[in-house]
N, C-alpha and C. Protein backbone atom coordinates (compact mmCIF):
# COMPACT_ATOMS: atom_id res chain seq x y z
N MET A 1 154.11 128.53 153.12
CA MET A 1 153.30 129.81 152.61
C MET A 1 151.35 128.97 152.49
N ILE A 2 150.90 129.61 153.04
CA ILE A 2 149.63 128.66 153.17
C ILE A 2 148.69 129.40 151.73
N THR A 3 148.22 128.44 150.88
CA THR A 3 147.44 128.96 150.05
C THR A 3 145.88 128.53 150.16
N LEU A 4 144.79 129.56 149.75
CA LEU A 4 143.55 129.04 150.20
C LEU A 4 142.95 128.75 148.80
N ASN A 5 141.97 127.80 149.05
CA ASN A 5 141.48 127.87 147.65
C ASN A 5 140.29 129.21 147.10
N ARG A 6 139.49 128.88 145.88
CA ARG A 6 138.52 129.84 145.78
C ARG A 6 137.55 130.27 146.84
N VAL A 7 136.89 128.78 147.16
CA VAL A 7 135.68 128.75 147.92
C VAL A 7 136.18 129.19 149.58
N THR A 8 137.31 129.24 149.71
CA THR A 8 137.67 129.45 151.25
C THR A 8 137.75 130.78 151.16
N ARG A 9 138.52 131.73 150.33
CA ARG A 9 138.76 132.75 150.26
C ARG A 9 137.25 133.47 150.06
N ILE A 10 136.38 133.00 149.21
CA ILE A 10 135.14 133.61 149.54
C ILE A 10 134.07 133.76 150.93
N THR A 11 134.21 132.58 151.22
CA THR A 11 134.10 132.51 152.44
C THR A 11 134.87 133.41 153.68
N LEU A 12 135.58 133.40 153.51
CA LEU A 12 136.73 134.37 154.70
C LEU A 12 135.96 135.63 154.57
N THR A 13 136.04 135.84 153.12
CA THR A 13 135.97 137.56 153.02
C THR A 13 134.14 137.84 153.58
N THR A 14 132.97 136.45 153.16
CA THR A 14 132.05 137.21 153.19
C THR A 14 131.97 137.18 154.99
N VAL A 15 132.44 135.69 155.82
CA VAL A 15 132.64 135.98 157.48
C VAL A 15 133.11 137.84 157.87
N PHE A 16 134.30 138.05 157.13
CA PHE A 16 135.28 139.46 157.68
C PHE A 16 133.83 140.79 157.19
N ALA A 17 133.27 140.28 156.11
CA ALA A 17 132.20 141.54 155.61
C ALA A 17 131.14 141.25 156.89
N ALA A 18 130.80 140.29 157.03
CA ALA A 18 129.54 140.32 158.47
C ALA A 18 129.88 140.80 159.24
N LEU A 19 131.12 140.70 160.20
CA LEU A 19 131.66 140.98 161.19
C LEU A 19 131.75 142.42 161.11
N LEU A 20 132.04 143.11 160.22
CA LEU A 20 132.52 144.52 159.99
C LEU A 20 131.17 145.52 159.88
N PHE A 21 130.26 144.68 159.01
CA PHE A 21 128.99 145.61 159.10
C PHE A 21 128.05 145.73 160.45
N SER A 22 128.81 144.46 161.13
CA SER A 22 127.80 144.09 162.51
C SER A 22 128.70 145.08 163.78
N ALA A 23 129.66 145.07 163.56
CA ALA A 23 130.16 146.42 164.42
C ALA A 23 129.87 147.61 163.79
N ALA A 24 129.87 147.82 162.78
CA ALA A 24 129.17 149.44 162.50
C ALA A 24 128.03 149.54 162.50
N GLY A 25 126.85 148.29 162.64
CA GLY A 25 125.54 148.47 163.16
C GLY A 25 125.55 148.87 164.67
N SER A 26 126.49 148.24 164.99
CA SER A 26 126.46 148.49 167.13
C SER A 26 126.80 149.75 167.04
N ALA A 27 127.79 150.28 166.50
CA ALA A 27 128.16 151.75 166.90
C ALA A 27 127.36 152.61 166.55
N MET A 28 126.36 152.55 165.54
CA MET A 28 125.72 153.45 164.97
C MET A 28 124.29 153.32 165.89
N ALA A 29 123.85 152.28 166.37
CA ALA A 29 122.60 151.94 167.31
C ALA A 29 123.29 152.61 168.53
N GLU A 30 124.54 152.54 169.09
CA GLU A 30 125.03 153.50 170.59
C GLU A 30 125.00 154.57 170.19
N SER A 31 125.48 155.04 168.90
CA SER A 31 125.73 156.29 168.66
C SER A 31 123.72 157.34 168.46
N LYS A 32 122.87 156.52 167.78
CA LYS A 32 121.71 156.94 167.98
C LYS A 32 121.36 157.08 169.31
N PHE A 33 121.57 156.20 170.22
CA PHE A 33 120.97 156.02 171.79
C PHE A 33 121.56 157.38 172.42
N ALA A 34 122.77 157.64 172.33
CA ALA A 34 123.53 158.64 172.67
C ALA A 34 122.83 159.91 172.46
N GLN A 35 122.58 160.44 171.32
CA GLN A 35 121.78 161.29 170.74
C GLN A 35 120.68 161.61 171.32
N ASN A 36 119.77 160.14 171.38
CA ASN A 36 118.64 160.17 172.10
C ASN A 36 118.68 160.10 173.53
N HIS A 37 119.68 160.49 174.42
CA HIS A 37 119.81 160.61 175.55
C HIS A 37 118.99 161.38 176.41
N PRO A 38 118.26 161.28 177.42
CA PRO A 38 117.47 162.24 177.61
C PRO A 38 117.42 163.49 177.94
N ARG A 39 118.79 163.63 178.79
CA ARG A 39 119.27 164.95 178.72
C ARG A 39 119.76 165.63 177.96
N ARG A 40 120.48 164.73 176.90
CA ARG A 40 121.20 165.40 175.66
C ARG A 40 119.78 166.00 174.79
N HIS A 41 118.81 165.34 174.93
CA HIS A 41 117.57 165.52 174.09
C HIS A 41 116.99 166.92 174.21
N GLN A 42 116.96 167.17 175.99
CA GLN A 42 116.57 168.29 176.67
C GLN A 42 117.55 169.46 176.17
N VAL A 43 118.40 169.45 176.30
CA VAL A 43 119.55 170.60 175.93
C VAL A 43 119.36 170.48 174.38
N ASN A 44 119.17 169.86 173.81
CA ASN A 44 119.48 169.89 172.33
C ASN A 44 117.62 170.68 171.75
N HIS A 45 116.66 169.86 172.31
CA HIS A 45 115.53 170.78 171.97
C HIS A 45 115.62 172.63 172.43
N ARG A 46 115.59 172.65 173.48
CA ARG A 46 115.94 174.29 173.96
C ARG A 46 116.80 174.42 173.10
N LEU A 47 117.88 174.20 172.57
CA LEU A 47 118.84 174.99 171.58
C LEU A 47 117.65 175.50 169.96
N GLY A 48 117.16 174.25 169.88
CA GLY A 48 116.38 174.43 168.46
C GLY A 48 114.89 175.44 168.86
N ASN A 49 114.52 175.82 169.82
CA ASN A 49 113.53 176.38 170.16
C ASN A 49 114.01 177.68 170.02
N GLN A 50 115.39 177.93 170.96
CA GLN A 50 115.93 179.76 170.69
C GLN A 50 116.24 179.68 169.14
N ASN A 51 116.41 178.67 168.28
CA ASN A 51 117.30 179.16 167.05
C ASN A 51 115.49 179.94 166.34
N ARG A 52 114.30 178.95 166.97
CA ARG A 52 113.24 179.16 166.07
C ARG A 52 112.94 180.71 166.36
N ARG A 53 113.00 180.84 167.70
CA ARG A 53 112.41 182.15 168.47
C ARG A 53 113.35 183.76 167.74
N VAL A 54 114.79 183.06 167.64
CA VAL A 54 115.69 184.04 167.15
C VAL A 54 115.20 184.31 165.56
N HIS A 55 115.01 183.50 164.91
CA HIS A 55 114.48 183.71 163.33
C HIS A 55 112.80 184.20 163.19
N ASN A 56 112.21 183.98 164.26
CA ASN A 56 110.89 184.80 164.64
C ASN A 56 111.22 186.40 164.96
N GLN A 57 112.09 186.78 165.79
CA GLN A 57 112.39 188.09 166.28
C GLN A 57 113.04 188.76 164.99
N VAL A 58 113.85 188.04 163.92
CA VAL A 58 114.54 188.87 163.04
C VAL A 58 113.10 189.02 161.96
N ALA A 59 112.68 188.07 161.68
CA ALA A 59 111.36 187.95 160.29
C ALA A 59 110.25 188.92 160.82
N SER A 60 110.41 189.41 162.22
CA SER A 60 109.35 190.22 162.87
C SER A 60 110.04 191.70 162.62
N GLY A 61 111.61 191.92 162.65
CA GLY A 61 112.17 193.22 162.72
C GLY A 61 112.12 193.53 163.84
N LYS A 62 112.04 192.59 165.13
CA LYS A 62 112.43 193.01 166.46
C LYS A 62 113.85 192.96 167.21
N MET A 63 114.60 192.26 165.87
CA MET A 63 116.22 191.86 165.98
C MET A 63 116.52 192.05 164.76
N SER A 64 118.06 192.62 164.91
CA SER A 64 118.95 193.15 163.86
C SER A 64 119.47 191.18 163.23
N HIS A 65 120.07 191.32 161.96
CA HIS A 65 120.47 190.04 161.88
C HIS A 65 122.34 190.28 162.51
N SER A 66 122.79 191.12 162.71
CA SER A 66 124.01 191.16 163.66
C SER A 66 123.64 190.17 165.13
N GLU A 67 122.98 190.89 165.49
CA GLU A 67 122.38 190.49 167.15
C GLU A 67 122.01 188.85 166.89
N ALA A 68 120.94 188.55 165.71
CA ALA A 68 121.22 187.11 165.89
C ALA A 68 122.69 186.28 165.40
N ARG A 69 123.19 186.66 164.36
CA ARG A 69 124.57 185.93 164.66
C ARG A 69 124.77 185.70 165.71
N ASN A 70 124.90 186.85 166.38
CA ASN A 70 125.79 186.93 167.78
C ASN A 70 124.91 185.91 168.81
N ILE A 71 123.86 185.78 168.68
CA ILE A 71 122.92 184.54 169.67
C ILE A 71 123.27 183.23 169.00
N HIS A 72 123.08 182.90 167.49
CA HIS A 72 123.64 181.80 167.18
C HIS A 72 124.90 181.72 167.60
N ALA A 73 125.77 182.51 167.68
CA ALA A 73 127.22 181.96 168.06
C ALA A 73 127.15 181.40 169.19
N GLU A 74 126.70 182.20 170.25
CA GLU A 74 126.23 181.82 171.88
C GLU A 74 125.67 180.11 171.86
N ASP A 75 124.98 179.90 170.71
CA ASP A 75 124.14 178.52 171.16
C ASP A 75 124.92 177.70 170.38
N HIS A 76 126.31 177.77 169.50
CA HIS A 76 126.73 177.13 168.81
C HIS A 76 127.57 176.58 169.80
N SER A 77 128.63 178.04 170.39
CA SER A 77 129.34 176.93 171.51
C SER A 77 128.64 176.17 172.61
N ILE A 78 127.25 176.61 172.73
CA ILE A 78 126.52 175.77 174.03
C ILE A 78 126.56 174.38 173.48
N ARG A 79 126.60 174.15 171.93
CA ARG A 79 126.11 172.78 171.15
C ARG A 79 127.29 172.40 171.33
N GLN A 80 128.71 173.17 170.82
CA GLN A 80 129.81 172.24 170.94
C GLN A 80 130.24 171.82 172.47
N GLU A 81 129.76 172.57 173.52
CA GLU A 81 130.38 172.39 174.71
C GLU A 81 129.25 171.00 175.19
N GLU A 82 128.34 171.18 174.86
CA GLU A 82 127.33 169.94 174.87
C GLU A 82 127.63 168.43 174.34
N ARG A 83 128.55 168.58 173.13
CA ARG A 83 129.27 167.49 172.05
C ARG A 83 130.03 166.98 173.14
N ALA A 84 131.19 168.18 173.45
CA ALA A 84 132.30 167.51 174.24
C ALA A 84 131.79 166.93 175.50
N ASP A 85 130.87 167.46 176.23
CA ASP A 85 130.63 167.04 177.59
C ASP A 85 130.26 165.45 177.02
N ALA A 86 129.40 165.18 176.42
CA ALA A 86 128.87 164.23 175.58
C ALA A 86 129.76 162.83 175.45
N SER A 87 130.82 163.53 174.69
CA SER A 87 132.21 162.43 174.41
C SER A 87 132.91 162.31 175.07
N LYS A 88 132.66 162.67 176.48
CA LYS A 88 133.56 162.10 177.57
C LYS A 88 133.06 161.50 178.27
N ASP A 89 131.64 160.87 178.33
CA ASP A 89 130.82 159.88 178.90
C ASP A 89 129.88 159.10 178.30
N GLY A 90 130.59 158.73 177.10
CA GLY A 90 129.86 157.55 176.25
C GLY A 90 128.53 158.17 175.69
N GLY A 91 128.86 159.51 175.04
CA GLY A 91 127.38 159.82 174.89
C GLY A 91 126.43 160.28 175.55
N HIS A 92 126.99 160.29 177.35
CA HIS A 92 125.68 161.10 177.92
C HIS A 92 126.37 162.04 178.54
N ILE A 93 125.29 163.19 178.94
CA ILE A 93 125.98 164.33 180.04
C ILE A 93 125.45 163.86 181.34
N THR A 94 126.22 164.51 182.43
CA THR A 94 125.41 164.49 183.78
C THR A 94 124.50 165.18 183.83
N LYS A 95 123.72 165.24 185.06
CA LYS A 95 123.02 166.07 185.75
C LYS A 95 123.35 167.42 185.99
N ALA A 96 124.74 167.68 186.40
CA ALA A 96 125.77 168.49 186.29
C ALA A 96 125.64 169.49 185.41
N GLU A 97 126.05 168.79 184.10
CA GLU A 97 126.17 169.31 182.84
C GLU A 97 124.99 169.52 182.14
N GLN A 98 124.11 169.11 182.39
CA GLN A 98 122.68 169.56 181.90
C GLN A 98 122.71 170.84 182.59
N HIS A 99 122.59 170.88 184.17
CA HIS A 99 122.18 172.33 184.59
C HIS A 99 123.12 173.31 184.06
N GLY A 100 124.47 173.00 183.68
CA GLY A 100 125.25 173.83 183.28
C GLY A 100 125.01 174.94 181.91
N LEU A 101 124.63 173.68 181.24
CA LEU A 101 124.43 174.14 180.02
C LEU A 101 122.94 174.95 179.80
N ASN A 102 121.90 174.57 180.47
CA ASN A 102 120.55 175.38 180.73
C ASN A 102 120.73 176.48 181.42
N GLN A 103 121.71 176.80 182.24
CA GLN A 103 122.39 178.26 182.83
C GLN A 103 122.51 178.79 181.80
N GLN A 104 123.58 178.46 180.89
CA GLN A 104 123.72 179.03 179.59
C GLN A 104 122.63 179.52 178.67
N GLU A 105 122.04 178.48 178.64
CA GLU A 105 121.01 178.75 177.76
C GLU A 105 119.73 179.80 178.18
N ASN A 106 119.98 179.81 179.29
CA ASN A 106 119.10 180.91 180.00
C ASN A 106 119.21 182.27 179.63
N GLY A 107 120.46 182.36 179.93
CA GLY A 107 121.59 183.40 179.59
C GLY A 107 120.62 184.27 177.91
N VAL A 108 120.68 183.15 177.14
CA VAL A 108 120.97 183.60 175.91
C VAL A 108 119.49 183.79 175.70
N SER A 109 118.53 183.20 176.31
CA SER A 109 117.29 182.89 176.10
C SER A 109 116.47 184.70 176.47
N HIS A 110 117.51 185.52 177.31
CA HIS A 110 117.30 186.60 177.81
C HIS A 110 117.32 187.25 176.75
N GLN A 111 117.88 187.29 176.34
CA GLN A 111 119.14 188.32 175.35
C GLN A 111 117.48 188.53 173.80
N ILE A 112 117.34 187.06 173.67
CA ILE A 112 116.12 186.94 172.59
C ILE A 112 115.30 187.82 172.68
N GLY A 113 114.36 187.47 174.08
CA GLY A 113 113.23 188.07 174.10
C GLY A 113 112.09 187.49 173.78
N GLN A 114 110.72 187.74 173.89
CA GLN A 114 109.54 187.09 173.90
C GLN A 114 108.96 187.33 172.39
């Protein structure tokens, strides 16, 4: 059995911790990049705009709370699909996936009105 002195154990622990934090930092940077990928950003920006429009419609009395709830559920479904698409390709979505998501958002957008 190998016994390590105190200094060696501390050194090994420090090296291990540095490697661990380095790997975590890389994963966080990759995750941040993936979330800011231009196609994902465009899709998610549209979802945010639609959310704002729904809230404005409810506040002005032009949309009921139940209608808003249904639209939010549809937007949530689109967001889940966007996340699933991105998880298949390292945080990116393809142009075809973006197109399909935008088509779905167009349908929801028409429900919101002006």
